[in-house]
Every structure is written in C-alpha cells, then in structure tokens.
Amino acid sequence: MTKTPLLTINDLHVSFFTPAGEVKAVNGLSYTLGEKEVLGIVGESGSGKSVSAYALMRILQHPGKVTGGSIDFAGKAINTLSEKEMQVIRGKDMAMIFQDPMTSLNPVFTIGSQLRETIMKHTDLNRAQATARAIEMLEQVGINNPEHRIKQYPHELSGGMRQRIMIAMAMSCKPKLLIADEPTTALDVTIQAQIMDLMNTLRNETDSSIIMITHDLGVISEICDNVLIMYGGRVVEYGNVDDIFYRSAHPYTKGLLNCLPRLDDDEDIMLTPIEGTPVDLMELPKGCTFAARCDSCMRICLKQSPPEFILDEESNHVVSCWLHTVPKGGEYNE
C-alpha cells in the first residue's frame, strides 16, 4: 500500500507584479515529499527556491502572488485556508529557518521572549516550562551559556549565533515539516556538522520531513535523500542523491557539479564556470530556460520547452532536456 505524501505541490506558479512588469518567479513547480524524507532544492539565486517556500508557508509579500497550482500539506489544501487557520499550522506543523536571521528576529524583544512565544503558542507548556525548553534548544544548537543568552537582544549576538537561534526556534515545536533556507550559510564547519546531526535527530525522533534549500552541494550530499534542481523557476532535474551526483543528466546540473573543486583533481586544474547570466524572469524564452547558456543547445531547445523525461522509473530520476530524445551527436529534426 502506497503512503500518502506529506506534501504535494502541483503546477505551482508565483509571480511578482511590479511597475516594470510581471516577474514569473516560479513556473509550474511540481513535487512530492514523503514522511521522514529530506529533499534538497538547489539552484542559482533567482531560480525560485525561496519563493516556492514562501508560497508554501503562505508568507509571500506584496506584490507577490500565487497565480496557479495547488499545495496539499497533511491532507489540507494550503491555498484554501484562511490566515487564522495558517497561523495554527505555522510553527507547529510546519516551520521555516529563514536565510537572514537579523531581519527575521524582532530587535526589540529578547531571544528568550521570542522563543517562549513560539513554544507557548503551539504547546501546553507554561512560562517556566517554555523557558526550560528554550534553554534546552539553545544548548542543542551549540549556544554557550544559554541561561544568559535568552536575556539578550538579537543585536548583541553574532550572525552565526543569530542563525542558530533561528534554527532552535524553528525546531522547538518538532514540526512535521521543516523548511531550511540556507541554514548553515553563516556557520563554521563544526557547527554545520552539529546542525546537520540535530536535523537528522529531529527526523528520526519525530518523523519530520525536511526541505533543504541551499547552494552547498556538500550539505546536500550529507543529509538529503532526493534532490531537485531548479532553474528559471522550473524543475530541470530530479532524482536521488546518487542520480544527481553520479548520473547527472541536465547540462545545468553538470555545470553546477563542474564548479566544485575535487580533492582528487590536480591543483593546477581550473574550475569550469557556467558561462552567461541567469534567465530574465520578466521575459522568459519560448523554449528551454537554460538554452542561452547551454553548450549543447539545439534548434528545438530555442523553440519549445522540454517536457520531463523519465530516466529511471525505480529511483524516479527525471530530467527536462531535449538531449534525452536525440541520438548522441545528433540533432532533433522537427
């Protein structure tokens, strides 16, 4: 018997309506997430990773708007819920670690009051119990002297400590879904490893699922089960970690991997960048969004957006690229 996924996103479209025109940030995003699964979402800045998470959490700011598609979480259609119903879900059933902790933490409240507010809103703990829980979470994310830290304000802490406090706040109520938007960016490698271990513990103890949004492919290889590669607001490749790292099929995925240094490479070997600039989301091309930067671009790539092609049904490895319908070295004949 097949389990019902915890999260199903189907054909999601998100646009920002600016005076200069419509910015199509997410264009037909679809994926599912099972219980205890960790999904990594990878792509350049502007590829739609964070915007899709904001749409899921229903925290898109004006002039952003969901223009199409559906989001189903734990049997609830997120699109149809009122803001009051979403406030019950946010923090308890789904939580998010934001990319910039300085703008996410309230500067006029202490760390302790902000942690307590989240815990007391979504649990039956009283003030003293919530304080104890807050101290426990700060210890788990590597904050030294937590009894003192909860009395401090965000500006009194370093960027790395603020980031760990955001992680503690998001994980304090043991949510079913944790969305981590670049959670280890401001942290050193030892704390990164500690946070990864903490997220794995949360998954194993509470059956939580995690969406990891990051540029760090090292983090992806360490914690994720499946990986979704985004470009121009669309999914260009999806598969498990082995598929993406060892059997990558899309030129963009291969380009990202070629940008990484390898321990077994000669130190004189230069890294290979992806030439060109990201696609203009106000003027999306008729064909493949990556065509202008692709060394393997064909005529069909410029004229028609590629559908998803299944490369491995067992691992659900799929890619959106015309190269996988053409004989090696050939060209698509219209």
C-alpha atoms as a PDB file:
ATOM      1  CA  MET A   1       0.000   0.000   0.000  1.00  0.00           C
ATOM      2  CA  THR A   2       1.451   3.356  -1.075  1.00  0.00           C
ATOM      3  CA  LYS A   3       1.679   6.001   1.651  1.00  0.00           C
ATOM      4  CA  THR A   4       0.056   9.374   1.069  1.00  0.00           C
ATOM      5  CA  PRO A   5       2.813  12.025   0.736  1.00  0.00           C
ATOM      6  CA  LEU A   6       3.086  14.604   3.498  1.00  0.00           C
ATOM      7  CA  LEU A   7       3.366  17.385   0.921  1.00  0.00           C
ATOM      8  CA  THR A   8       2.245  17.592  -2.700  1.00  0.00           C
ATOM      9  CA  ILE A   9       2.897  20.673  -4.822  1.00  0.00           C
ATOM     10  CA  ASN A  10       1.301  20.579  -8.263  1.00  0.00           C
ATOM     11  CA  ASP A  11       1.965  23.042 -11.102  1.00  0.00           C
ATOM     12  CA  LEU A  12       2.725  25.966  -8.773  1.00  0.00           C
ATOM     13  CA  HIS A  13       3.076  29.402 -10.379  1.00  0.00           C
ATOM     14  CA  VAL A  14       4.182  32.505  -8.461  1.00  0.00           C
ATOM     15  CA  SER A  15       4.586  35.991  -9.934  1.00  0.00           C
ATOM     16  CA  PHE A  16       5.563  39.425  -8.664  1.00  0.00           C
ATOM     17  CA  PHE A  17       3.577  42.210 -10.283  1.00  0.00           C
ATOM     18  CA  THR A  18       5.877  45.223 -10.436  1.00  0.00           C
ATOM     19  CA  PRO A  19       5.542  48.583 -12.241  1.00  0.00           C
ATOM     20  CA  ALA A  20       8.076  47.284 -14.768  1.00  0.00           C
ATOM     21  CA  GLY A  21       6.060  44.135 -15.485  1.00  0.00           C
ATOM     22  CA  GLU A  22       5.326  40.612 -14.249  1.00  0.00           C
ATOM     23  CA  VAL A  23       8.255  38.703 -12.779  1.00  0.00           C
ATOM     24  CA  LYS A  24       7.468  34.992 -13.171  1.00  0.00           C
ATOM     25  CA  ALA A  25       9.463  33.644 -10.230  1.00  0.00           C
ATOM     26  CA  VAL A  26       8.051  30.095 -10.171  1.00  0.00           C
ATOM     27  CA  ASN A  27       6.736  28.459 -13.325  1.00  0.00           C
ATOM     28  CA  GLY A  28       4.982  25.105 -12.995  1.00  0.00           C
ATOM     29  CA  LEU A  29       6.777  23.630  -9.968  1.00  0.00           C
ATOM     30  CA  SER A  30       5.622  20.117  -9.005  1.00  0.00           C
ATOM     31  CA  TYR A  31       6.995  17.638  -6.464  1.00  0.00           C
ATOM     32  CA  THR A  32       6.003  15.404  -3.564  1.00  0.00           C
ATOM     33  CA  LEU A  33       7.602  14.920  -0.168  1.00  0.00           C
ATOM     34  CA  GLY A  34       7.127  11.817   1.972  1.00  0.00           C
ATOM     35  CA  GLU A  35       7.359  11.384   5.729  1.00  0.00           C
ATOM     36  CA  LYS A  36      10.919  11.458   7.140  1.00  0.00           C
ATOM     37  CA  GLU A  37      12.224  12.421   3.688  1.00  0.00           C
ATOM     38  CA  VAL A  38      14.844  15.125   3.221  1.00  0.00           C
ATOM     39  CA  LEU A  39      14.548  16.944  -0.099  1.00  0.00           C
ATOM     40  CA  GLY A  40      17.313  19.235  -1.278  1.00  0.00           C
ATOM     41  CA  ILE A  41      16.422  22.143  -3.575  1.00  0.00           C
ATOM     42  CA  VAL A  42      19.415  23.531  -5.475  1.00  0.00           C
ATOM     43  CA  GLY A  43      19.818  26.373  -7.940  1.00  0.00           C
ATOM     44  CA  GLU A  44      21.328  29.789  -8.516  1.00  0.00           C
ATOM     45  CA  SER A  45      19.986  32.914  -6.838  1.00  0.00           C
ATOM     46  CA  GLY A  46      16.751  33.858  -8.573  1.00  0.00           C
ATOM     47  CA  SER A  47      15.835  30.304  -9.559  1.00  0.00           C
ATOM     48  CA  GLY A  48      12.691  30.324  -7.393  1.00  0.00           C
ATOM     49  CA  LYS A  49      13.857  28.193  -4.452  1.00  0.00           C
ATOM     50  CA  SER A  50      12.985  30.550  -1.589  1.00  0.00           C
ATOM     51  CA  VAL A  51       9.900  31.974  -3.301  1.00  0.00           C
ATOM     52  CA  SER A  52       8.384  28.495  -3.602  1.00  0.00           C
ATOM     53  CA  ALA A  53       8.969  28.005   0.145  1.00  0.00           C
ATOM     54  CA  TYR A  54       7.317  31.340   0.961  1.00  0.00           C
ATOM     55  CA  ALA A  55       4.315  30.291  -1.135  1.00  0.00           C
ATOM     56  CA  LEU A  56       4.138  27.023   0.796  1.00  0.00           C
ATOM     57  CA  MET A  57       4.229  28.876   4.125  1.00  0.00           C
ATOM     58  CA  ARG A  58       1.735  31.466   2.798  1.00  0.00           C
ATOM     59  CA  ILE A  59       4.074  34.358   3.671  1.00  0.00           C
ATOM     60  CA  LEU A  60       4.545  35.883   0.218  1.00  0.00           C
ATOM     61  CA  GLN A  61       4.804  39.663   0.483  1.00  0.00           C
ATOM     62  CA  HIS A  62       3.160  42.178  -1.877  1.00  0.00           C
ATOM     63  CA  PRO A  63       3.472  42.304  -4.875  1.00  0.00           C
ATOM     64  CA  GLY A  64       3.988  38.525  -4.892  1.00  0.00           C
ATOM     65  CA  LYS A  65       1.016  36.309  -5.695  1.00  0.00           C
ATOM     66  CA  VAL A  66       0.319  32.628  -6.352  1.00  0.00           C
ATOM     67  CA  THR A  67      -1.197  32.640  -9.838  1.00  0.00           C
ATOM     68  CA  GLY A  68      -1.787  28.923 -10.286  1.00  0.00           C
ATOM     69  CA  GLY A  69      -1.346  25.416  -8.940  1.00  0.00           C
ATOM     70  CA  SER A  70      -2.121  23.702  -5.668  1.00  0.00           C
ATOM     71  CA  ILE A  71      -0.349  22.886  -2.401  1.00  0.00           C
ATOM     72  CA  ASP A  72      -1.561  19.983  -0.255  1.00  0.00           C
ATOM     73  CA  PHE A  73       0.001  19.527   3.189  1.00  0.00           C
ATOM     74  CA  ALA A  74      -1.022  16.706   5.534  1.00  0.00           C
ATOM     75  CA  GLY A  75      -4.363  16.400   3.747  1.00  0.00           C
ATOM     76  CA  LYS A  76      -5.078  20.143   3.827  1.00  0.00           C
ATOM     77  CA  ALA A  77      -5.271  22.369   0.767  1.00  0.00           C
ATOM     78  CA  ILE A  78      -2.984  25.213   1.855  1.00  0.00           C
ATOM     79  CA  ASN A  79      -4.309  27.535  -0.875  1.00  0.00           C
ATOM     80  CA  THR A  80      -7.826  27.464   0.569  1.00  0.00           C
ATOM     81  CA  LEU A  81      -7.033  28.020   4.267  1.00  0.00           C
ATOM     82  CA  SER A  82      -7.715  31.322   5.997  1.00  0.00           C
ATOM     83  CA  GLU A  83      -4.883  33.272   7.601  1.00  0.00           C
ATOM     84  CA  LYS A  84      -6.170  32.274  11.056  1.00  0.00           C
ATOM     85  CA  GLU A  85      -6.005  28.586  10.093  1.00  0.00           C
ATOM     86  CA  MET A  86      -2.492  29.069   8.698  1.00  0.00           C
ATOM     87  CA  GLN A  87      -1.336  30.647  11.971  1.00  0.00           C
ATOM     88  CA  VAL A  88      -2.208  27.395  13.727  1.00  0.00           C
ATOM     89  CA  ILE A  89      -0.145  25.382  11.237  1.00  0.00           C
ATOM     90  CA  ARG A  90       2.879  27.692  11.045  1.00  0.00           C
ATOM     91  CA  GLY A  91       5.351  26.990  13.809  1.00  0.00           C
ATOM     92  CA  LYS A  92       3.626  23.811  14.936  1.00  0.00           C
ATOM     93  CA  ASP A  93       3.151  21.587  11.872  1.00  0.00           C
ATOM     94  CA  MET A  94       5.482  23.426   9.504  1.00  0.00           C
ATOM     95  CA  ALA A  95       8.316  25.769  10.371  1.00  0.00           C
ATOM     96  CA  MET A  96      10.955  27.648   8.434  1.00  0.00           C
ATOM     97  CA  ILE A  97      14.558  28.623   9.098  1.00  0.00           C
ATOM     98  CA  PHE A  98      14.990  31.911   7.255  1.00  0.00           C
ATOM     99  CA  GLN A  99      18.088  32.918   5.345  1.00  0.00           C
ATOM    100  CA  ASP A 100      18.704  36.248   7.102  1.00  0.00           C
ATOM    101  CA  PRO A 101      18.266  35.954  10.894  1.00  0.00           C
ATOM    102  CA  MET A 102      18.852  39.663  11.542  1.00  0.00           C
ATOM    103  CA  THR A 103      15.695  40.621   9.661  1.00  0.00           C
ATOM    104  CA  SER A 104      13.728  37.615  10.978  1.00  0.00           C
ATOM    105  CA  LEU A 105      14.292  38.195  14.699  1.00  0.00           C
ATOM    106  CA  ASN A 106      12.487  41.105  16.353  1.00  0.00           C
ATOM    107  CA  PRO A 107      15.116  43.611  17.561  1.00  0.00           C
ATOM    108  CA  VAL A 108      13.022  44.940  20.472  1.00  0.00           C
ATOM    109  CA  PHE A 109      12.377  41.582  22.179  1.00  0.00           C
ATOM    110  CA  THR A 110      14.874  39.325  23.918  1.00  0.00           C
ATOM    111  CA  ILE A 111      15.839  35.969  22.476  1.00  0.00           C
ATOM    112  CA  GLY A 112      14.057  34.227  25.348  1.00  0.00           C
ATOM    113  CA  SER A 113      10.754  36.046  24.845  1.00  0.00           C
ATOM    114  CA  GLN A 114      10.737  35.191  21.122  1.00  0.00           C
ATOM    115  CA  LEU A 115      11.499  31.526  21.760  1.00  0.00           C
ATOM    116  CA  ARG A 116       8.905  31.326  24.555  1.00  0.00           C
ATOM    117  CA  GLU A 117       6.233  32.918  22.371  1.00  0.00           C
ATOM    118  CA  THR A 118       6.633  30.216  19.722  1.00  0.00           C
ATOM    119  CA  ILE A 119       6.668  27.369  22.249  1.00  0.00           C
ATOM    120  CA  MET A 120       3.733  28.594  24.339  1.00  0.00           C
ATOM    121  CA  LYS A 121       1.587  29.353  21.284  1.00  0.00           C
ATOM    122  CA  HIS A 122       1.810  25.820  19.930  1.00  0.00           C
ATOM    123  CA  THR A 123       2.165  23.672  23.077  1.00  0.00           C
ATOM    124  CA  ASP A 124       0.554  23.325  26.516  1.00  0.00           C
ATOM    125  CA  LEU A 125       3.741  24.348  28.339  1.00  0.00           C
ATOM    126  CA  ASN A 126       3.596  27.180  30.871  1.00  0.00           C
ATOM    127  CA  ARG A 127       6.105  30.039  31.003  1.00  0.00           C
ATOM    128  CA  ALA A 128       8.632  28.228  33.215  1.00  0.00           C
ATOM    129  CA  GLN A 129       8.424  25.043  31.130  1.00  0.00           C
ATOM    130  CA  ALA A 130       8.711  27.013  27.884  1.00  0.00           C
ATOM    131  CA  THR A 131      11.813  28.777  29.242  1.00  0.00           C
ATOM    132  CA  ALA A 132      13.364  25.415  30.108  1.00  0.00           C
ATOM    133  CA  ARG A 133      12.530  24.144  26.619  1.00  0.00           C
ATOM    134  CA  ALA A 134      14.090  27.259  25.069  1.00  0.00           C
ATOM    135  CA  ILE A 135      17.305  26.753  27.055  1.00  0.00           C
ATOM    136  CA  GLU A 136      17.389  23.093  26.009  1.00  0.00           C
ATOM    137  CA  MET A 137      17.029  24.014  22.326  1.00  0.00           C
ATOM    138  CA  LEU A 138      19.784  26.636  22.572  1.00  0.00           C
ATOM    139  CA  GLU A 139      22.096  24.006  24.059  1.00  0.00           C
ATOM    140  CA  GLN A 140      21.260  21.600  21.229  1.00  0.00           C
ATOM    141  CA  VAL A 141      22.243  24.113  18.543  1.00  0.00           C
ATOM    142  CA  GLY A 142      25.567  24.887  20.238  1.00  0.00           C
ATOM    143  CA  ILE A 143      24.814  28.173  22.033  1.00  0.00           C
ATOM    144  CA  ASN A 144      27.100  28.589  25.027  1.00  0.00           C
ATOM    145  CA  ASN A 145      25.724  29.862  28.353  1.00  0.00           C
ATOM    146  CA  PRO A 146      22.063  29.664  27.160  1.00  0.00           C
ATOM    147  CA  GLU A 147      20.670  30.883  30.515  1.00  0.00           C
ATOM    148  CA  HIS A 148      22.373  34.206  29.834  1.00  0.00           C
ATOM    149  CA  ARG A 149      21.713  34.300  26.077  1.00  0.00           C
ATOM    150  CA  ILE A 150      17.929  34.168  26.433  1.00  0.00           C
ATOM    151  CA  LYS A 151      18.098  37.543  28.214  1.00  0.00           C
ATOM    152  CA  GLN A 152      19.972  39.182  25.338  1.00  0.00           C
ATOM    153  CA  TYR A 153      18.688  41.013  22.268  1.00  0.00           C
ATOM    154  CA  PRO A 154      19.479  39.979  18.657  1.00  0.00           C
ATOM    155  CA  HIS A 155      21.929  42.876  18.096  1.00  0.00           C
ATOM    156  CA  GLU A 156      24.081  41.627  20.993  1.00  0.00           C
ATOM    157  CA  LEU A 157      24.826  38.348  19.207  1.00  0.00           C
ATOM    158  CA  SER A 158      26.973  37.436  16.228  1.00  0.00           C
ATOM    159  CA  GLY A 159      25.464  36.458  12.857  1.00  0.00           C
ATOM    160  CA  GLY A 160      26.264  32.795  13.432  1.00  0.00           C
ATOM    161  CA  MET A 161      24.611  32.795  16.851  1.00  0.00           C
ATOM    162  CA  ARG A 162      21.507  34.514  15.484  1.00  0.00           C
ATOM    163  CA  GLN A 163      21.338  31.842  12.782  1.00  0.00           C
ATOM    164  CA  ARG A 164      21.486  29.085  15.419  1.00  0.00           C
ATOM    165  CA  ILE A 165      18.742  30.798  17.406  1.00  0.00           C
ATOM    166  CA  MET A 166      16.530  30.824  14.296  1.00  0.00           C
ATOM    167  CA  ILE A 167      17.201  27.095  13.905  1.00  0.00           C
ATOM    168  CA  ALA A 168      16.323  26.487  17.570  1.00  0.00           C
ATOM    169  CA  MET A 169      13.089  28.470  17.202  1.00  0.00           C
ATOM    170  CA  ALA A 170      12.018  26.555  14.093  1.00  0.00           C
ATOM    171  CA  MET A 171      12.750  23.161  15.669  1.00  0.00           C
ATOM    172  CA  SER A 172      11.377  23.908  19.139  1.00  0.00           C
ATOM    173  CA  CYS A 173       7.882  22.508  18.464  1.00  0.00           C
ATOM    174  CA  LYS A 174       9.118  19.470  16.492  1.00  0.00           C
ATOM    175  CA  PRO A 175       7.229  20.312  13.255  1.00  0.00           C
ATOM    176  CA  LYS A 176       6.134  17.704  10.711  1.00  0.00           C
ATOM    177  CA  LEU A 177       7.829  19.780   8.009  1.00  0.00           C
ATOM    178  CA  LEU A 178      10.949  21.874   8.479  1.00  0.00           C
ATOM    179  CA  ILE A 179      11.940  24.207   5.638  1.00  0.00           C
ATOM    180  CA  ALA A 180      15.581  25.239   5.943  1.00  0.00           C
ATOM    181  CA  ASP A 181      16.557  28.153   3.680  1.00  0.00           C
ATOM    182  CA  GLU A 182      20.375  28.270   3.618  1.00  0.00           C
ATOM    183  CA  PRO A 183      20.506  27.260   7.311  1.00  0.00           C
ATOM    184  CA  THR A 184      24.292  26.850   7.531  1.00  0.00           C
ATOM    185  CA  THR A 185      25.467  29.858   5.498  1.00  0.00           C
ATOM    186  CA  ALA A 186      26.883  31.872   8.425  1.00  0.00           C
ATOM    187  CA  LEU A 187      28.178  28.902  10.408  1.00  0.00           C
ATOM    188  CA  ASP A 188      31.622  27.344  10.591  1.00  0.00           C
ATOM    189  CA  VAL A 189      32.071  23.726   9.557  1.00  0.00           C
ATOM    190  CA  THR A 190      31.964  22.279  13.081  1.00  0.00           C
ATOM    191  CA  ILE A 191      28.632  23.957  13.860  1.00  0.00           C
ATOM    192  CA  GLN A 192      27.359  22.961  10.400  1.00  0.00           C
ATOM    193  CA  ALA A 193      28.009  19.320  11.244  1.00  0.00           C
ATOM    194  CA  GLN A 194      26.276  19.766  14.599  1.00  0.00           C
ATOM    195  CA  ILE A 195      23.198  21.298  12.953  1.00  0.00           C
ATOM    196  CA  MET A 196      23.051  18.501  10.366  1.00  0.00           C
ATOM    197  CA  ASP A 197      23.158  15.934  13.180  1.00  0.00           C
ATOM    198  CA  LEU A 198      20.405  17.814  15.022  1.00  0.00           C
ATOM    199  CA  MET A 199      18.174  17.823  11.932  1.00  0.00           C
ATOM    200  CA  ASN A 200      18.754  14.108  11.444  1.00  0.00           C
ATOM    201  CA  THR A 201      17.822  13.513  15.087  1.00  0.00           C
ATOM    202  CA  LEU A 202      14.612  15.522  14.629  1.00  0.00           C
ATOM    203  CA  ARG A 203      13.727  13.464  11.554  1.00  0.00           C
ATOM    204  CA  ASN A 204      14.347  10.152  13.301  1.00  0.00           C
ATOM    205  CA  GLU A 205      12.635  11.017  16.592  1.00  0.00           C
ATOM    206  CA  THR A 206       9.554  12.822  15.285  1.00  0.00           C
ATOM    207  CA  ASP A 207       9.231  11.526  11.685  1.00  0.00           C
ATOM    208  CA  SER A 208       9.728  15.099  10.474  1.00  0.00           C
ATOM    209  CA  SER A 209      10.365  15.838   6.816  1.00  0.00           C
ATOM    210  CA  ILE A 210      12.874  18.478   5.747  1.00  0.00           C
ATOM    211  CA  ILE A 211      13.187  20.709   2.697  1.00  0.00           C
ATOM    212  CA  MET A 212      16.798  21.891   2.483  1.00  0.00           C
ATOM    213  CA  ILE A 213      17.280  24.960   0.267  1.00  0.00           C
ATOM    214  CA  THR A 214      20.971  25.566  -0.280  1.00  0.00           C
ATOM    215  CA  HIS A 215      23.802  26.353  -2.679  1.00  0.00           C
ATOM    216  CA  ASP A 216      26.088  23.995  -0.755  1.00  0.00           C
ATOM    217  CA  LEU A 217      26.181  20.692  -2.605  1.00  0.00           C
ATOM    218  CA  GLY A 218      28.273  19.282   0.232  1.00  0.00           C
ATOM    219  CA  VAL A 219      25.339  19.751   2.610  1.00  0.00           C
ATOM    220  CA  ILE A 220      23.039  18.179   0.015  1.00  0.00           C
ATOM    221  CA  SER A 221      25.193  15.051  -0.239  1.00  0.00           C
ATOM    222  CA  GLU A 222      25.386  14.776   3.549  1.00  0.00           C
ATOM    223  CA  ILE A 223      21.730  14.921   4.568  1.00  0.00           C
ATOM    224  CA  CYS A 224      19.353  14.682   1.579  1.00  0.00           C
ATOM    225  CA  ASP A 225      17.534  11.652   0.182  1.00  0.00           C
ATOM    226  CA  ASN A 226      16.380  13.308  -3.039  1.00  0.00           C
ATOM    227  CA  VAL A 227      17.459  16.430  -4.888  1.00  0.00           C
ATOM    228  CA  LEU A 228      15.501  18.886  -7.030  1.00  0.00           C
ATOM    229  CA  ILE A 229      17.461  21.161  -9.370  1.00  0.00           C
ATOM    230  CA  MET A 230      15.715  24.448 -10.246  1.00  0.00           C
ATOM    231  CA  TYR A 231      16.479  26.956 -12.977  1.00  0.00           C
ATOM    232  CA  GLY A 232      14.339  29.855 -14.116  1.00  0.00           C
ATOM    233  CA  GLY A 233      11.532  28.896 -11.734  1.00  0.00           C
ATOM    234  CA  ARG A 234      11.278  25.374 -13.170  1.00  0.00           C
ATOM    235  CA  VAL A 235      12.479  21.899 -12.262  1.00  0.00           C
ATOM    236  CA  VAL A 236      15.200  20.825 -14.690  1.00  0.00           C
ATOM    237  CA  GLU A 237      16.211  17.600 -12.938  1.00  0.00           C
ATOM    238  CA  TYR A 238      15.029  15.454 -10.034  1.00  0.00           C
ATOM    239  CA  GLY A 239      16.458  12.271  -8.562  1.00  0.00           C
ATOM    240  CA  ASN A 240      18.080  10.703  -5.535  1.00  0.00           C
ATOM    241  CA  VAL A 241      21.499  11.848  -4.354  1.00  0.00           C
ATOM    242  CA  ASP A 242      23.339   9.185  -6.358  1.00  0.00           C
ATOM    243  CA  ASP A 243      21.422  10.099  -9.530  1.00  0.00           C
ATOM    244  CA  ILE A 244      22.311  13.760  -9.218  1.00  0.00           C
ATOM    245  CA  PHE A 245      25.968  13.373  -8.228  1.00  0.00           C
ATOM    246  CA  TYR A 246      26.952  10.341 -10.293  1.00  0.00           C
ATOM    247  CA  ARG A 247      24.378  10.165 -13.110  1.00  0.00           C
ATOM    248  CA  SER A 248      23.503  13.828 -13.648  1.00  0.00           C
ATOM    249  CA  ALA A 249      21.666  14.319 -16.937  1.00  0.00           C
ATOM    250  CA  HIS A 250      20.886  18.015 -17.384  1.00  0.00           C
ATOM    251  CA  PRO A 251      23.633  20.366 -18.653  1.00  0.00           C
ATOM    252  CA  TYR A 252      22.825  22.786 -15.814  1.00  0.00           C
ATOM    253  CA  THR A 253      23.265  20.089 -13.143  1.00  0.00           C
ATOM    254  CA  LYS A 254      26.545  19.061 -14.738  1.00  0.00           C
ATOM    255  CA  GLY A 255      27.598  22.715 -14.788  1.00  0.00           C
ATOM    256  CA  LEU A 256      26.937  23.091 -11.060  1.00  0.00           C
ATOM    257  CA  LEU A 257      28.998  19.992 -10.302  1.00  0.00           C
ATOM    258  CA  ASN A 258      31.836  21.191 -12.543  1.00  0.00           C
ATOM    259  CA  CYS A 259      32.045  24.364 -10.459  1.00  0.00           C
ATOM    260  CA  LEU A 260      33.039  22.317  -7.407  1.00  0.00           C
ATOM    261  CA  PRO A 261      36.679  21.628  -6.527  1.00  0.00           C
ATOM    262  CA  ARG A 262      37.600  17.960  -6.088  1.00  0.00           C
ATOM    263  CA  LEU A 263      40.164  16.534  -3.688  1.00  0.00           C
ATOM    264  CA  ASP A 264      41.447  14.140  -6.334  1.00  0.00           C
ATOM    265  CA  ASP A 265      41.944  16.847  -9.001  1.00  0.00           C
ATOM    266  CA  ASP A 266      45.335  18.277  -9.885  1.00  0.00           C
ATOM    267  CA  GLU A 267      45.766  21.611  -8.095  1.00  0.00           C
ATOM    268  CA  ASP A 268      46.545  23.310 -11.423  1.00  0.00           C
ATOM    269  CA  ILE A 269      43.164  22.372 -12.926  1.00  0.00           C
ATOM    270  CA  MET A 270      40.862  25.392 -13.267  1.00  0.00           C
ATOM    271  CA  LEU A 271      37.218  25.158 -12.246  1.00  0.00           C
ATOM    272  CA  THR A 272      34.722  25.402 -15.090  1.00  0.00           C
ATOM    273  CA  PRO A 273      32.128  28.158 -14.572  1.00  0.00           C
ATOM    274  CA  ILE A 274      28.685  28.275 -16.154  1.00  0.00           C
ATOM    275  CA  GLU A 275      29.014  30.992 -18.768  1.00  0.00           C
ATOM    276  CA  GLY A 276      26.378  33.698 -19.201  1.00  0.00           C
ATOM    277  CA  THR A 277      23.829  35.189 -16.833  1.00  0.00           C
ATOM    278  CA  PRO A 278      20.611  33.788 -15.322  1.00  0.00           C
ATOM    279  CA  VAL A 279      17.459  33.979 -17.415  1.00  0.00           C
ATOM    280  CA  ASP A 280      15.348  37.155 -17.270  1.00  0.00           C
ATOM    281  CA  LEU A 281      12.191  36.147 -15.372  1.00  0.00           C
ATOM    282  CA  MET A 282      10.273  39.068 -16.875  1.00  0.00           C
ATOM    283  CA  GLU A 283      10.928  37.795 -20.397  1.00  0.00           C
ATOM    284  CA  LEU A 284      11.060  34.016 -20.240  1.00  0.00           C
ATOM    285  CA  PRO A 285      12.105  32.393 -23.508  1.00  0.00           C
ATOM    286  CA  LYS A 286       9.719  30.319 -25.569  1.00  0.00           C
ATOM    287  CA  GLY A 287      11.942  27.265 -25.320  1.00  0.00           C
ATOM    288  CA  CYS A 288      14.247  25.897 -22.622  1.00  0.00           C
ATOM    289  CA  THR A 289      15.147  28.477 -19.965  1.00  0.00           C
ATOM    290  CA  PHE A 290      18.770  27.288 -19.964  1.00  0.00           C
ATOM    291  CA  ALA A 291      19.206  27.272 -23.763  1.00  0.00           C
ATOM    292  CA  ALA A 292      21.136  30.568 -23.960  1.00  0.00           C
ATOM    293  CA  ARG A 293      23.848  29.219 -21.605  1.00  0.00           C
ATOM    294  CA  CYS A 294      23.928  25.620 -22.808  1.00  0.00           C
ATOM    295  CA  ASP A 295      26.819  24.296 -24.904  1.00  0.00           C
ATOM    296  CA  SER A 296      24.555  21.540 -26.257  1.00  0.00           C
ATOM    297  CA  CYS A 297      21.716  23.831 -27.365  1.00  0.00           C
ATOM    298  CA  MET A 298      19.759  22.682 -30.461  1.00  0.00           C
ATOM    299  CA  ARG A 299      17.072  24.332 -32.594  1.00  0.00           C
ATOM    300  CA  ILE A 300      14.258  22.647 -30.675  1.00  0.00           C
ATOM    301  CA  CYS A 301      15.665  23.998 -27.399  1.00  0.00           C
ATOM    302  CA  LEU A 302      15.054  27.565 -28.581  1.00  0.00           C
ATOM    303  CA  LYS A 303      11.520  26.898 -29.820  1.00  0.00           C
ATOM    304  CA  GLN A 304       9.872  24.504 -27.380  1.00  0.00           C
ATOM    305  CA  SER A 305      10.143  23.961 -23.633  1.00  0.00           C
ATOM    306  CA  PRO A 306      11.171  20.348 -22.927  1.00  0.00           C
ATOM    307  CA  PRO A 307       8.805  18.036 -21.023  1.00  0.00           C
ATOM    308  CA  GLU A 308      10.026  15.721 -18.269  1.00  0.00           C
ATOM    309  CA  PHE A 309      11.714  12.545 -19.455  1.00  0.00           C
ATOM    310  CA  ILE A 310      11.934   9.564 -17.109  1.00  0.00           C
ATOM    311  CA  LEU A 311      15.464   8.190 -16.985  1.00  0.00           C
ATOM    312  CA  ASP A 312      14.943   5.666 -14.179  1.00  0.00           C
ATOM    313  CA  GLU A 313      11.458   4.693 -13.006  1.00  0.00           C
ATOM    314  CA  GLU A 314      12.747   2.920  -9.893  1.00  0.00           C
ATOM    315  CA  SER A 315      14.551   5.955  -8.493  1.00  0.00           C
ATOM    316  CA  ASN A 316      12.182   8.421 -10.194  1.00  0.00           C
ATOM    317  CA  HIS A 317      15.079  10.136 -11.920  1.00  0.00           C
ATOM    318  CA  VAL A 318      13.603  12.667 -14.361  1.00  0.00           C
ATOM    319  CA  VAL A 319      15.087  15.431 -16.483  1.00  0.00           C
ATOM    320  CA  SER A 320      13.678  18.233 -18.622  1.00  0.00           C
ATOM    321  CA  CYS A 321      16.077  18.284 -21.547  1.00  0.00           C
ATOM    322  CA  TRP A 322      15.694  17.566 -25.274  1.00  0.00           C
ATOM    323  CA  LEU A 323      19.089  15.854 -25.354  1.00  0.00           C
ATOM    324  CA  HIS A 324      17.497  12.719 -23.957  1.00  0.00           C
ATOM    325  CA  THR A 325      15.290  12.228 -27.010  1.00  0.00           C
ATOM    326  CA  VAL A 326      18.111  12.613 -29.527  1.00  0.00           C
ATOM    327  CA  PRO A 327      20.795  10.102 -30.535  1.00  0.00           C
ATOM    328  CA  LYS A 328      24.208  11.014 -29.169  1.00  0.00           C
ATOM    329  CA  GLY A 329      25.823  13.531 -31.515  1.00  0.00           C
ATOM    330  CA  GLY A 330      22.600  14.020 -33.498  1.00  0.00           C
ATOM    331  CA  GLU A 331      20.183  16.887 -33.740  1.00  0.00           C
ATOM    332  CA  TYR A 332      16.436  16.994 -33.269  1.00  0.00           C
ATOM    333  CA  ASN A 333      14.553  17.046 -36.579  1.00  0.00           C
ATOM    334  CA  GLU A 334      11.284  18.919 -36.447  1.00  0.00           C
END
